[in-house]
Amino acid sequence: MAKQHADKPEIPPVPTGDLPRWAIENYPDAVADMTSDIQSAIFWSEVPKLTYLEGKKLKQKPKDVTDLQWYAEVLNAQPNIAEQQIINSRLAAIAMTEGVTVASGLADKAERATMLFLYESKKNFRYRNTNSEYSTFEEFLLDKLPYLADKPSERSNILFLIKNMLPLMSELGVGAKAADILNHEGNYIKVRESVPYMRKATTRFELASTAYDDEIQEVNKKISKKNGKIEKTAPGPVLDLLIEEVKELKLHLEHISNDQEIVKEEAKKLFKDDVDTVLRAIADPSIPATGPAGISKVLQRGGDKVIFKGSVAIVPKHSVFYFAVSPEYQQAVEACLQTFMTFRVVGGNEILKQAEHDLKNKEK
């Protein structure tokens, strides 16, 4: 398979320092080296904050003195070794305890960086422009993150995020770029938590777009079959009947094709509303990323509680309910009713026909 050309890449700046070995390699002491480097960085970041008394004057680190020189000066100013040990113990304790925060932050940044690398690798098929031969992006993903082979749900969410959701948010959003979303810790967590909602929205959009495909295909088959019979039938009543049946089928095909276009347009609008709903929730600082009031809960229940007015007709053998909800609440309503019923996307005319049928006291 010929490799597709990627867009012209930006040349990164020349590194000013080497990445630590633990950041780019896996080896037995990688974690020990990482914790050592983190402790060291925190320890020496605290040194400039050290002070000591020289007589009654509080001495602070001068700008032209290095951290190492200041550390030695502060220790030498202590009256005894015990006081020096107190300073060292306090610095070591800060380095160890703050290391928890730093390491945890590294894990979060690493996850977001991984998603950004995956997104950029997928964009313009960069993953094919390498020394390795990948026929699909999923093959590339499993090669780079082999643990996902045993985690189909997580793999599916990552694929959806990279292939569908981030590109859609960039295309339909308010100019939001994947890098902007992934650079912001709160935004990324919200995006990740909104994947189930967007997955449902995408599925509904795809189902609506193809709602009439099977019926249209079946009608076309019937028309083709009857046309074949027409070619072999002599003039007479049988031929006239076949021609009339073809006319009726073509008229039916025209009607359902029109309904399909209406449903497709409505589905597009609804899908855009879903994306806008997610973008607004991500940008809303009052909606947390997780928890009982987190973005996934807010999206699934449609935001704040709203009571919609509906009607119910009690007729023999069954009841007929009617209500209409605004697009942003559709998924919430479907989620509430999914235990009892399923929904099929249809045109407005079909709903009118079904309602007329059900209200005529006919048994189902």
Protein backbone atom coordinates (compact mmCIF):
# COMPACT_ATOMS: atom_id res chain seq x y z
CA MET A 1 0.00 0.00 0.00
CA ALA A 2 1.42 3.37 -0.99
CA LYS A 3 2.15 5.65 1.91
CA GLN A 4 0.14 8.85 2.05
CA HIS A 5 2.06 12.07 2.34
CA ALA A 6 1.75 13.90 5.62
CA ASP A 7 1.50 17.66 5.77
CA LYS A 8 4.75 19.58 6.17
CA PRO A 9 5.84 19.02 9.79
CA GLU A 10 7.03 21.80 12.07
CA ILE A 11 10.70 21.37 12.94
CA PRO A 12 11.02 21.32 16.74
CA PRO A 13 13.69 23.46 18.40
CA VAL A 14 17.07 21.94 19.21
CA PRO A 15 16.90 20.51 22.75
CA THR A 16 18.68 22.57 25.39
CA GLY A 17 19.17 19.53 27.61
CA ASP A 18 18.88 15.79 27.45
CA LEU A 19 15.68 14.05 28.53
CA PRO A 20 16.39 11.75 31.48
CA ARG A 21 16.89 8.13 30.51
CA TRP A 22 13.78 7.04 32.45
CA ALA A 23 11.63 9.30 30.25
CA ILE A 24 12.53 7.51 27.01
CA GLU A 25 13.58 4.00 28.04
CA ASN A 26 12.22 1.10 30.07
CA TYR A 27 14.86 -0.51 32.29
CA PRO A 28 14.85 -2.12 35.78
CA ASP A 29 15.78 1.01 37.76
CA ALA A 30 13.69 3.47 35.74
CA VAL A 31 11.22 4.20 38.57
CA ALA A 32 14.01 4.55 41.15
CA ASP A 33 15.85 6.98 38.87
CA MET A 34 12.67 8.96 38.23
CA THR A 35 11.88 9.35 41.93
CA SER A 36 15.50 10.29 42.59
CA ASP A 37 15.42 13.00 39.92
CA ILE A 38 12.09 14.35 41.21
CA GLN A 39 13.36 14.43 44.80
CA SER A 40 16.52 16.17 43.68
CA ALA A 41 14.62 18.80 41.69
CA ILE A 42 12.27 19.57 44.60
CA PHE A 43 15.06 19.55 47.19
CA TRP A 44 17.12 22.11 45.31
CA SER A 45 14.09 24.21 44.39
CA GLU A 46 13.59 24.73 48.14
CA VAL A 47 17.19 25.77 48.82
CA PRO A 48 16.78 29.38 47.57
CA LYS A 49 13.98 29.82 50.14
CA LEU A 50 16.35 29.10 53.06
CA THR A 51 17.24 31.96 55.40
CA TYR A 52 19.40 32.37 58.54
CA LEU A 53 20.04 34.99 61.18
CA GLU A 54 23.31 36.90 61.15
CA GLY A 55 23.11 38.64 64.46
CA LYS A 56 19.64 40.23 64.35
CA LYS A 57 19.59 40.49 60.57
CA LEU A 58 17.64 37.93 58.51
CA LYS A 59 19.80 36.91 55.57
CA GLN A 60 18.21 35.78 52.27
CA LYS A 61 19.81 34.35 49.16
CA PRO A 62 21.45 37.06 46.97
CA LYS A 63 20.72 36.88 43.24
CA ASP A 64 24.38 36.44 42.30
CA VAL A 65 24.89 33.40 44.54
CA THR A 66 24.28 29.89 43.20
CA ASP A 67 21.97 27.45 44.95
CA LEU A 68 24.90 25.23 45.93
CA GLN A 69 26.85 28.20 47.38
CA TRP A 70 23.80 29.38 49.32
CA TYR A 71 23.15 25.89 50.69
CA ALA A 72 26.70 25.66 51.99
CA GLU A 73 26.49 29.17 53.47
CA VAL A 74 23.25 28.42 55.32
CA LEU A 75 24.61 25.17 56.78
CA ASN A 76 27.91 26.80 57.82
CA ALA A 77 25.90 29.50 59.60
CA GLN A 78 24.27 26.94 61.90
CA PRO A 79 25.69 26.66 65.40
CA ASN A 80 26.03 22.88 65.36
CA ILE A 81 25.55 19.69 63.32
CA ALA A 82 22.14 19.03 64.89
CA GLU A 83 20.76 22.25 63.41
CA GLN A 84 22.24 21.33 60.03
CA GLN A 85 20.52 17.96 60.21
CA ILE A 86 17.20 19.67 61.01
CA ILE A 87 17.49 21.75 57.80
CA ASN A 88 18.44 18.71 55.71
CA SER A 89 15.64 16.61 57.21
CA ARG A 90 13.08 19.31 56.47
CA LEU A 91 14.27 19.67 52.86
CA ALA A 92 14.25 15.88 52.39
CA ALA A 93 10.73 15.63 53.86
CA ILE A 94 9.45 18.35 51.51
CA ALA A 95 11.12 16.64 48.55
CA MET A 96 9.51 13.31 49.43
CA THR A 97 6.00 14.56 50.19
CA GLU A 98 5.83 17.02 47.29
CA GLY A 99 7.12 14.22 45.09
CA VAL A 100 3.66 12.65 45.39
CA THR A 101 2.10 15.71 43.74
CA VAL A 102 4.77 15.99 41.08
CA ALA A 103 4.69 12.28 40.14
CA SER A 104 0.88 12.31 40.03
CA GLY A 105 1.00 15.38 37.80
CA LEU A 106 3.49 13.64 35.52
CA ALA A 107 1.07 10.73 35.10
CA ASP A 108 -1.73 13.09 34.07
CA LYS A 109 0.50 15.07 31.70
CA ALA A 110 1.85 11.84 30.22
CA GLU A 111 -1.69 10.61 29.50
CA ARG A 112 -2.59 13.88 27.76
CA ALA A 113 0.69 13.91 25.85
CA THR A 114 0.02 10.34 24.73
CA MET A 115 -3.39 11.35 23.37
CA LEU A 116 -1.86 14.33 21.56
CA PHE A 117 0.85 12.15 20.00
CA LEU A 118 -1.81 9.66 18.90
CA TYR A 119 -4.01 12.41 17.47
CA GLU A 120 -1.12 13.96 15.53
CA SER A 121 -0.03 10.51 14.33
CA LYS A 122 -3.54 9.80 13.04
CA LYS A 123 -3.92 13.20 11.36
CA ASN A 124 -2.92 13.03 7.70
CA PHE A 125 -1.91 9.37 8.21
CA ARG A 126 1.46 10.20 9.77
CA TYR A 127 1.56 6.72 11.30
CA ARG A 128 2.00 5.32 7.78
CA ASN A 129 4.97 7.56 7.02
CA THR A 130 7.34 5.62 9.30
CA ASN A 131 9.75 2.72 9.07
CA SER A 132 6.98 0.38 10.24
CA GLU A 133 4.15 -0.78 8.01
CA TYR A 134 0.72 -0.19 9.54
CA SER A 135 -2.37 -0.90 7.49
CA THR A 136 -4.74 0.65 10.04
CA PHE A 137 -4.56 3.15 12.87
CA GLU A 138 -5.79 0.49 15.31
CA GLU A 139 -2.82 -1.69 14.36
CA PHE A 140 -0.52 1.26 15.08
CA LEU A 141 -2.28 1.90 18.40
CA LEU A 142 -1.88 -1.70 19.58
CA ASP A 143 1.78 -1.71 18.56
CA LYS A 144 2.49 1.42 20.60
CA LEU A 145 0.19 0.57 23.53
CA PRO A 146 0.08 -3.26 23.62
CA TYR A 147 -1.73 -3.33 26.98
CA LEU A 148 -4.88 -2.18 25.12
CA ALA A 149 -5.14 -5.62 23.49
CA ASP A 150 -6.64 -6.90 26.77
CA LYS A 151 -8.76 -3.77 27.36
CA PRO A 152 -11.24 -3.57 24.48
CA SER A 153 -13.43 -0.96 26.18
CA GLU A 154 -10.55 1.45 26.82
CA ARG A 155 -9.19 0.80 23.32
CA SER A 156 -12.59 1.54 21.82
CA ASN A 157 -12.87 4.81 23.77
CA ILE A 158 -9.39 5.94 22.69
CA LEU A 159 -10.13 5.13 19.05
CA PHE A 160 -13.40 7.03 19.23
CA LEU A 161 -11.71 9.99 20.91
CA ILE A 162 -8.87 10.18 18.37
CA LYS A 163 -10.72 9.27 15.18
CA ASN A 164 -14.10 10.88 15.81
CA MET A 165 -14.53 13.13 18.79
CA LEU A 166 -11.46 15.40 18.72
CA PRO A 167 -11.71 16.00 14.94
CA LEU A 168 -15.44 16.74 15.29
CA MET A 169 -14.88 19.16 18.15
CA SER A 170 -12.23 20.94 16.13
CA GLU A 171 -14.50 21.06 13.06
CA LEU A 172 -17.82 21.91 14.71
CA GLY A 173 -16.63 23.66 17.85
CA VAL A 174 -15.65 27.23 18.52
CA GLY A 175 -12.19 26.89 16.97
CA ALA A 176 -11.07 24.49 19.68
CA LYS A 177 -7.98 22.58 18.60
CA ALA A 178 -7.00 19.17 19.90
CA ALA A 179 -3.81 20.63 21.36
CA ASP A 180 -5.79 23.28 23.26
CA ILE A 181 -8.13 20.66 24.69
CA LEU A 182 -5.33 18.28 25.67
CA ASN A 183 -3.08 21.01 27.09
CA HIS A 184 -5.73 21.93 29.64
CA GLU A 185 -6.02 19.31 32.38
CA GLY A 186 -9.64 20.11 33.24
CA ASN A 187 -10.73 20.22 29.60
CA TYR A 188 -9.16 16.87 28.77
CA ILE A 189 -10.79 15.08 31.70
CA LYS A 190 -14.14 16.57 30.68
CA VAL A 191 -13.64 15.47 27.07
CA ARG A 192 -12.74 11.96 28.22
CA GLU A 193 -15.78 11.81 30.53
CA SER A 194 -18.11 12.96 27.74
CA VAL A 195 -17.10 10.11 25.40
CA PRO A 196 -20.14 7.92 26.32
CA TYR A 197 -22.54 10.78 25.53
CA MET A 198 -20.83 11.57 22.22
CA ARG A 199 -20.68 7.87 21.34
CA LYS A 200 -24.47 7.63 21.75
CA ALA A 201 -24.94 10.83 19.75
CA THR A 202 -22.75 9.48 16.93
CA THR A 203 -24.56 6.13 16.91
CA ARG A 204 -27.93 7.87 16.76
CA PHE A 205 -26.71 10.08 13.91
CA GLU A 206 -25.45 7.09 11.94
CA LEU A 207 -28.66 5.13 12.54
CA ALA A 208 -30.78 8.10 11.48
CA SER A 209 -28.71 8.60 8.34
CA THR A 210 -29.37 5.02 7.29
CA ALA A 211 -32.86 4.59 8.79
CA TYR A 212 -34.54 3.97 5.43
CA ASP A 213 -31.68 2.20 3.63
CA ASP A 214 -33.04 -1.32 4.10
CA GLU A 215 -36.55 -0.35 3.04
CA ILE A 216 -35.30 1.56 -0.01
CA GLN A 217 -33.12 -1.39 -0.99
CA GLU A 218 -36.06 -3.78 -0.62
CA VAL A 219 -38.38 -1.58 -2.74
CA ASN A 220 -35.71 -1.26 -5.45
CA LYS A 221 -35.37 -5.05 -5.51
CA LYS A 222 -39.13 -5.41 -5.96
CA ILE A 223 -39.13 -2.84 -8.76
CA SER A 224 -36.24 -4.59 -10.50
CA LYS A 225 -37.93 -7.97 -10.16
CA LYS A 226 -41.23 -6.72 -11.54
CA ASN A 227 -39.48 -4.90 -14.40
CA GLY A 228 -37.88 -8.22 -15.28
CA LYS A 229 -41.31 -9.82 -15.43
CA ILE A 230 -42.65 -6.94 -17.52
CA GLU A 231 -39.99 -7.59 -20.17
CA LYS A 232 -41.14 -11.21 -20.43
CA THR A 233 -44.92 -10.59 -20.27
CA ALA A 234 -47.10 -10.21 -23.32
CA PRO A 235 -49.55 -7.28 -23.58
CA GLY A 236 -52.71 -7.87 -21.60
CA PRO A 237 -54.24 -7.62 -18.12
CA VAL A 238 -51.25 -9.24 -16.41
CA LEU A 239 -48.84 -6.75 -17.98
CA ASP A 240 -51.12 -3.84 -17.08
CA LEU A 241 -51.22 -5.04 -13.47
CA LEU A 242 -47.43 -5.33 -13.30
CA ILE A 243 -47.00 -1.81 -14.73
CA GLU A 244 -49.46 -0.44 -12.15
CA GLU A 245 -47.64 -2.21 -9.34
CA VAL A 246 -44.32 -0.74 -10.48
CA LYS A 247 -45.89 2.75 -10.53
CA GLU A 248 -47.11 2.25 -6.95
CA LEU A 249 -43.72 0.98 -5.82
CA LYS A 250 -41.96 3.96 -7.45
CA LEU A 251 -44.39 6.33 -5.75
CA HIS A 252 -43.71 4.63 -2.43
CA LEU A 253 -39.97 4.83 -3.12
CA GLU A 254 -40.27 8.56 -3.76
CA HIS A 255 -42.12 9.07 -0.49
CA ILE A 256 -39.67 7.13 1.68
CA SER A 257 -36.70 8.75 -0.10
CA ASN A 258 -38.13 12.16 0.76
CA ASP A 259 -38.68 11.04 4.34
CA GLN A 260 -35.10 9.82 4.47
CA GLU A 261 -33.75 13.21 3.42
CA ILE A 262 -35.88 14.94 6.04
CA VAL A 263 -34.64 12.56 8.74
CA LYS A 264 -31.02 13.05 7.63
CA GLU A 265 -31.29 16.84 7.85
CA GLU A 266 -32.90 16.65 11.28
CA ALA A 267 -30.24 14.18 12.40
CA LYS A 268 -27.48 16.57 11.30
CA LYS A 269 -29.05 19.41 13.28
CA LEU A 270 -29.48 17.20 16.32
CA PHE A 271 -25.89 15.97 16.09
CA LYS A 272 -24.61 19.55 15.87
CA ASP A 273 -26.71 20.35 18.95
CA ASP A 274 -25.13 17.40 20.77
CA VAL A 275 -21.63 18.64 19.95
CA ASP A 276 -22.54 22.18 21.02
CA THR A 277 -23.98 20.81 24.28
CA VAL A 278 -20.70 19.02 25.02
CA LEU A 279 -18.60 22.07 24.15
CA ARG A 280 -20.69 24.30 26.41
CA ALA A 281 -20.40 21.81 29.28
CA ILE A 282 -16.62 21.58 28.83
CA ALA A 283 -16.29 25.37 28.85
CA ASP A 284 -18.62 25.81 31.85
CA PRO A 285 -16.45 26.21 34.98
CA SER A 286 -19.42 25.42 37.23
CA ILE A 287 -19.58 21.84 35.88
CA PRO A 288 -16.85 19.64 37.41
CA ALA A 289 -15.10 16.94 35.43
CA THR A 290 -16.13 14.06 37.67
CA GLY A 291 -18.34 13.25 40.65
CA PRO A 292 -22.12 13.20 41.19
CA ALA A 293 -22.46 16.58 39.47
CA GLY A 294 -19.72 15.83 36.90
CA ILE A 295 -20.01 16.40 33.18
CA SER A 296 -21.04 12.83 32.30
CA LYS A 297 -23.94 12.98 34.77
CA VAL A 298 -24.98 16.44 33.59
CA LEU A 299 -24.95 15.37 29.94
CA GLN A 300 -26.90 12.17 30.55
CA ARG A 301 -29.65 13.91 32.49
CA GLY A 302 -29.76 16.86 30.12
CA GLY A 303 -28.51 19.51 32.53
CA ASP A 304 -30.80 20.94 35.19
CA LYS A 305 -34.13 19.25 35.84
CA VAL A 306 -36.81 20.38 33.43
CA ILE A 307 -40.43 19.21 33.44
CA PHE A 308 -41.87 18.76 29.96
CA LYS A 309 -45.59 18.78 29.42
CA GLY A 310 -47.04 15.75 27.72
CA SER A 311 -50.36 14.14 26.95
CA VAL A 312 -51.73 10.65 27.35
CA ALA A 313 -54.78 9.13 25.63
CA ILE A 314 -56.40 6.11 27.29
CA VAL A 315 -57.92 3.89 24.60
CA PRO A 316 -58.95 0.22 24.68
CA LYS A 317 -56.03 -2.20 25.04
CA HIS A 318 -53.36 0.47 25.40
CA SER A 319 -52.40 4.07 26.17
CA VAL A 320 -50.85 6.54 23.74
CA PHE A 321 -48.32 9.02 25.10
CA TYR A 322 -47.20 12.20 23.37
CA PHE A 323 -44.48 14.64 24.35
CA ALA A 324 -41.82 16.71 22.63
CA VAL A 325 -38.42 17.63 24.06
CA SER A 326 -35.66 19.95 22.91
CA PRO A 327 -32.61 18.27 21.29
CA GLU A 328 -30.26 18.57 24.26
CA TYR A 329 -32.63 16.46 26.37
CA GLN A 330 -33.23 13.67 23.85
CA GLN A 331 -30.50 11.37 25.16
CA ALA A 332 -31.63 11.92 28.75
CA VAL A 333 -35.20 10.91 27.86
CA GLU A 334 -34.02 7.83 25.93
CA ALA A 335 -31.77 6.83 28.84
CA CYS A 336 -34.70 7.06 31.27
CA LEU A 337 -36.97 4.94 29.05
CA GLN A 338 -34.47 2.42 27.71
CA THR A 339 -35.45 -0.18 30.33
CA PHE A 340 -38.96 -0.34 28.86
CA MET A 341 -38.65 0.53 25.19
CA THR A 342 -36.44 1.11 22.19
CA PHE A 343 -36.60 3.94 19.67
CA ARG A 344 -36.41 3.93 15.88
CA VAL A 345 -35.63 7.13 13.99
CA VAL A 346 -38.42 7.85 11.50
CA GLY A 347 -39.93 10.77 9.62
CA GLY A 348 -42.74 12.88 11.00
CA ASN A 349 -45.26 11.42 8.55
CA GLU A 350 -44.69 7.90 9.86
CA ILE A 351 -45.30 9.06 13.42
CA LEU A 352 -48.59 10.63 12.29
CA LYS A 353 -49.63 7.37 10.64
CA GLN A 354 -48.73 5.33 13.73
CA ALA A 355 -50.60 7.73 16.01
CA GLU A 356 -53.66 7.59 13.79
CA HIS A 357 -53.55 3.79 13.82
CA ASP A 358 -53.17 3.56 17.60
CA LEU A 359 -55.91 6.08 18.33
CA LYS A 360 -58.52 4.21 16.28
CA ASN A 361 -59.06 1.72 19.10
CA LYS A 362 -57.30 -0.98 17.10
CA GLU A 363 -55.56 -3.76 18.94
CA LYS A 364 -51.83 -4.05 18.39
